[in-house]
Amino acid sequence: MSFSWSFWLLKRRKIISELEAINSWFNKRREEFYGLIARKIRGKEKLRDEGYFPFDLGDLERICRLDSRKA
C-alpha cells in the first residue's frame, strides 16, 4: 500500500498535536518546543514553517560532521 507524502504530513501533525494536548495538562509557564525525529521526513520545510523542529538522519549526520570539525 502506498501513501502520498501529504498523508504522512497529516499523520505527523496528528502525532505532534497529541503531544501538545498531553503536555497542556502540565506546567503552562514554560516555553515549549515540539519536534519530530525519523529516518526520513519529507515536507520538513512545511513543518518548520509551522514552528516545529523536524530532524531526519540526514540532518543528524550533517550536525555530527559540523561538530567533528570543531574538535
N, C-alpha and C. Protein backbone atom coordinates (compact mmCIF):
# COMPACT_ATOMS: atom_id res chain seq x y z
N MET A 1 0.85 -1.17 0.00
CA MET A 1 0.00 0.00 0.00
C MET A 1 0.90 1.24 0.00
N SER A 2 0.61 2.17 -0.87
CA SER A 2 1.43 3.37 -0.99
C SER A 2 0.61 4.60 -0.61
N PHE A 3 1.20 5.45 0.20
CA PHE A 3 0.55 6.68 0.61
C PHE A 3 1.34 7.86 0.09
N SER A 4 0.65 8.95 -0.17
CA SER A 4 1.35 10.15 -0.63
C SER A 4 2.03 10.83 0.55
N TRP A 5 2.98 11.71 0.24
CA TRP A 5 3.70 12.41 1.31
C TRP A 5 2.75 13.29 2.10
N SER A 6 1.66 13.78 1.48
CA SER A 6 0.72 14.62 2.22
C SER A 6 0.00 13.82 3.30
N PHE A 7 -0.25 12.52 3.05
CA PHE A 7 -0.84 11.67 4.08
C PHE A 7 0.08 11.59 5.29
N TRP A 8 1.38 11.38 5.04
CA TRP A 8 2.33 11.26 6.14
C TRP A 8 2.52 12.59 6.85
N LEU A 9 2.42 13.70 6.11
CA LEU A 9 2.50 15.02 6.75
C LEU A 9 1.33 15.20 7.72
N LEU A 10 0.14 14.80 7.32
CA LEU A 10 -1.02 14.88 8.21
C LEU A 10 -0.83 13.96 9.42
N LYS A 11 -0.28 12.78 9.20
CA LYS A 11 -0.03 11.85 10.30
C LYS A 11 0.95 12.45 11.30
N ARG A 12 2.02 13.09 10.80
CA ARG A 12 3.00 13.73 11.70
C ARG A 12 2.36 14.86 12.48
N ARG A 13 1.52 15.66 11.81
CA ARG A 13 0.84 16.75 12.51
C ARG A 13 -0.06 16.20 13.61
N LYS A 14 -0.72 15.07 13.37
CA LYS A 14 -1.60 14.47 14.37
C LYS A 14 -0.78 14.04 15.59
N ILE A 15 0.38 13.43 15.35
CA ILE A 15 1.25 13.00 16.47
C ILE A 15 1.67 14.20 17.29
N ILE A 16 2.09 15.26 16.63
CA ILE A 16 2.55 16.46 17.35
C ILE A 16 1.39 17.10 18.11
N SER A 17 0.20 17.16 17.51
CA SER A 17 -0.94 17.77 18.21
C SER A 17 -1.33 16.94 19.43
N GLU A 18 -1.19 15.62 19.35
CA GLU A 18 -1.46 14.77 20.52
C GLU A 18 -0.45 15.05 21.64
N LEU A 19 0.81 15.25 21.27
CA LEU A 19 1.82 15.61 22.27
C LEU A 19 1.50 16.96 22.91
N GLU A 20 1.07 17.91 22.10
CA GLU A 20 0.71 19.23 22.64
C GLU A 20 -0.47 19.12 23.61
N ALA A 21 -1.44 18.28 23.28
CA ALA A 21 -2.60 18.11 24.15
C ALA A 21 -2.20 17.47 25.48
N ILE A 22 -1.37 16.45 25.43
CA ILE A 22 -0.90 15.80 26.66
C ILE A 22 -0.10 16.79 27.49
N ASN A 23 0.76 17.55 26.86
CA ASN A 23 1.62 18.47 27.57
C ASN A 23 0.84 19.65 28.17
N SER A 24 -0.32 19.95 27.63
CA SER A 24 -1.11 21.06 28.16
C SER A 24 -1.63 20.77 29.57
N TRP A 25 -1.59 19.51 29.99
CA TRP A 25 -2.01 19.16 31.35
C TRP A 25 -0.96 19.56 32.37
N PHE A 26 0.25 19.79 31.93
CA PHE A 26 1.35 20.08 32.83
C PHE A 26 1.61 21.58 32.92
N ASN A 27 2.75 21.93 33.41
CA ASN A 27 3.15 23.32 33.64
C ASN A 27 2.95 24.18 32.40
N LYS A 28 2.17 25.25 32.52
CA LYS A 28 1.91 26.13 31.38
C LYS A 28 2.77 27.39 31.42
N ARG A 29 3.69 27.48 32.35
CA ARG A 29 4.51 28.68 32.48
C ARG A 29 5.84 28.59 31.75
N ARG A 30 6.04 27.58 30.99
CA ARG A 30 7.30 27.43 30.27
C ARG A 30 7.05 27.49 28.76
N GLU A 31 8.09 27.82 28.06
CA GLU A 31 8.01 27.81 26.60
C GLU A 31 8.31 26.40 26.13
N GLU A 32 7.50 25.89 25.22
CA GLU A 32 7.66 24.52 24.77
C GLU A 32 7.98 24.48 23.29
N PHE A 33 8.76 23.49 22.91
CA PHE A 33 9.12 23.27 21.51
C PHE A 33 8.79 21.83 21.17
N TYR A 34 8.27 21.62 19.98
CA TYR A 34 7.90 20.29 19.55
C TYR A 34 8.68 19.91 18.32
N GLY A 35 9.14 18.68 18.30
CA GLY A 35 9.92 18.21 17.17
C GLY A 35 9.57 16.78 16.83
N LEU A 36 10.13 16.37 15.74
CA LEU A 36 9.91 15.02 15.24
C LEU A 36 11.23 14.51 14.70
N ILE A 37 11.61 13.29 15.09
CA ILE A 37 12.83 12.68 14.58
C ILE A 37 12.44 11.35 13.94
N ALA A 38 12.89 11.17 12.71
CA ALA A 38 12.58 9.95 11.98
C ALA A 38 13.71 9.65 11.00
N ARG A 39 13.67 8.45 10.44
CA ARG A 39 14.70 8.07 9.48
C ARG A 39 14.70 9.01 8.28
N LYS A 40 13.53 9.31 7.73
CA LYS A 40 13.41 10.19 6.57
C LYS A 40 12.11 10.97 6.73
N ILE A 41 12.18 12.28 6.56
CA ILE A 41 10.99 13.13 6.67
C ILE A 41 10.89 13.96 5.40
N ARG A 42 9.81 13.76 4.68
CA ARG A 42 9.53 14.61 3.53
C ARG A 42 8.59 15.72 4.00
N GLY A 43 8.73 16.90 3.46
CA GLY A 43 7.89 18.01 3.87
C GLY A 43 8.38 18.70 5.13
N LYS A 44 9.68 18.58 5.43
CA LYS A 44 10.24 19.20 6.63
C LYS A 44 10.04 20.71 6.62
N GLU A 45 10.13 21.31 5.44
CA GLU A 45 10.00 22.77 5.34
C GLU A 45 8.63 23.23 5.81
N LYS A 46 7.60 22.48 5.45
CA LYS A 46 6.24 22.85 5.89
C LYS A 46 6.11 22.76 7.40
N LEU A 47 6.68 21.72 7.98
CA LEU A 47 6.63 21.59 9.44
C LEU A 47 7.43 22.70 10.11
N ARG A 48 8.58 23.05 9.54
CA ARG A 48 9.37 24.15 10.11
C ARG A 48 8.62 25.47 10.01
N ASP A 49 7.92 25.68 8.90
CA ASP A 49 7.12 26.89 8.74
C ASP A 49 6.02 26.99 9.79
N GLU A 50 5.57 25.84 10.29
CA GLU A 50 4.53 25.81 11.32
C GLU A 50 5.12 25.91 12.72
N GLY A 51 6.46 26.02 12.81
CA GLY A 51 7.09 26.21 14.12
C GLY A 51 7.58 24.94 14.79
N TYR A 52 7.58 23.82 14.07
CA TYR A 52 8.07 22.56 14.64
C TYR A 52 9.52 22.34 14.23
N PHE A 53 10.15 21.34 14.85
CA PHE A 53 11.55 21.03 14.60
C PHE A 53 11.70 19.59 14.10
N PRO A 54 11.54 19.38 12.81
CA PRO A 54 11.72 18.02 12.28
C PRO A 54 13.19 17.75 11.93
N PHE A 55 13.68 16.57 12.31
CA PHE A 55 15.04 16.14 12.01
C PHE A 55 14.99 14.72 11.48
N ASP A 56 15.74 14.47 10.42
CA ASP A 56 15.89 13.09 9.97
C ASP A 56 17.36 12.71 10.05
N LEU A 57 17.68 11.48 9.65
CA LEU A 57 19.06 11.01 9.79
C LEU A 57 20.04 11.86 9.00
N GLY A 58 19.61 12.39 7.86
CA GLY A 58 20.48 13.28 7.09
C GLY A 58 20.84 14.54 7.86
N ASP A 59 19.87 15.10 8.56
CA ASP A 59 20.14 16.28 9.39
C ASP A 59 21.11 15.96 10.51
N LEU A 60 20.90 14.84 11.17
CA LEU A 60 21.77 14.45 12.27
C LEU A 60 23.19 14.17 11.78
N GLU A 61 23.30 13.59 10.60
CA GLU A 61 24.63 13.34 10.03
C GLU A 61 25.36 14.67 9.77
N ARG A 62 24.65 15.66 9.22
CA ARG A 62 25.26 16.97 8.98
C ARG A 62 25.68 17.63 10.29
N ILE A 63 24.86 17.52 11.32
CA ILE A 63 25.20 18.11 12.62
C ILE A 63 26.45 17.44 13.19
N CYS A 64 26.54 16.11 13.08
CA CYS A 64 27.72 15.40 13.61
C CYS A 64 28.98 15.79 12.84
N ARG A 65 28.86 15.96 11.54
CA ARG A 65 30.03 16.36 10.75
C ARG A 65 30.49 17.76 11.14
N LEU A 66 29.55 18.67 11.34
CA LEU A 66 29.92 20.03 11.76
C LEU A 66 30.59 20.00 13.12
N ASP A 67 30.06 19.19 14.04
CA ASP A 67 30.62 19.10 15.38
C ASP A 67 32.02 18.50 15.34
N SER A 68 32.25 17.53 14.48
CA SER A 68 33.57 16.89 14.43
C SER A 68 34.62 17.85 13.86
N ARG A 69 34.22 18.82 13.07
CA ARG A 69 35.16 19.80 12.54
C ARG A 69 35.63 20.77 13.63
N LYS A 70 34.81 20.98 14.65
CA LYS A 70 35.17 21.88 15.75
C LYS A 70 36.22 21.24 16.66
N ALA A 71 36.24 19.93 16.71
CA ALA A 71 37.16 19.23 17.65
C ALA A 71 38.59 19.29 17.22
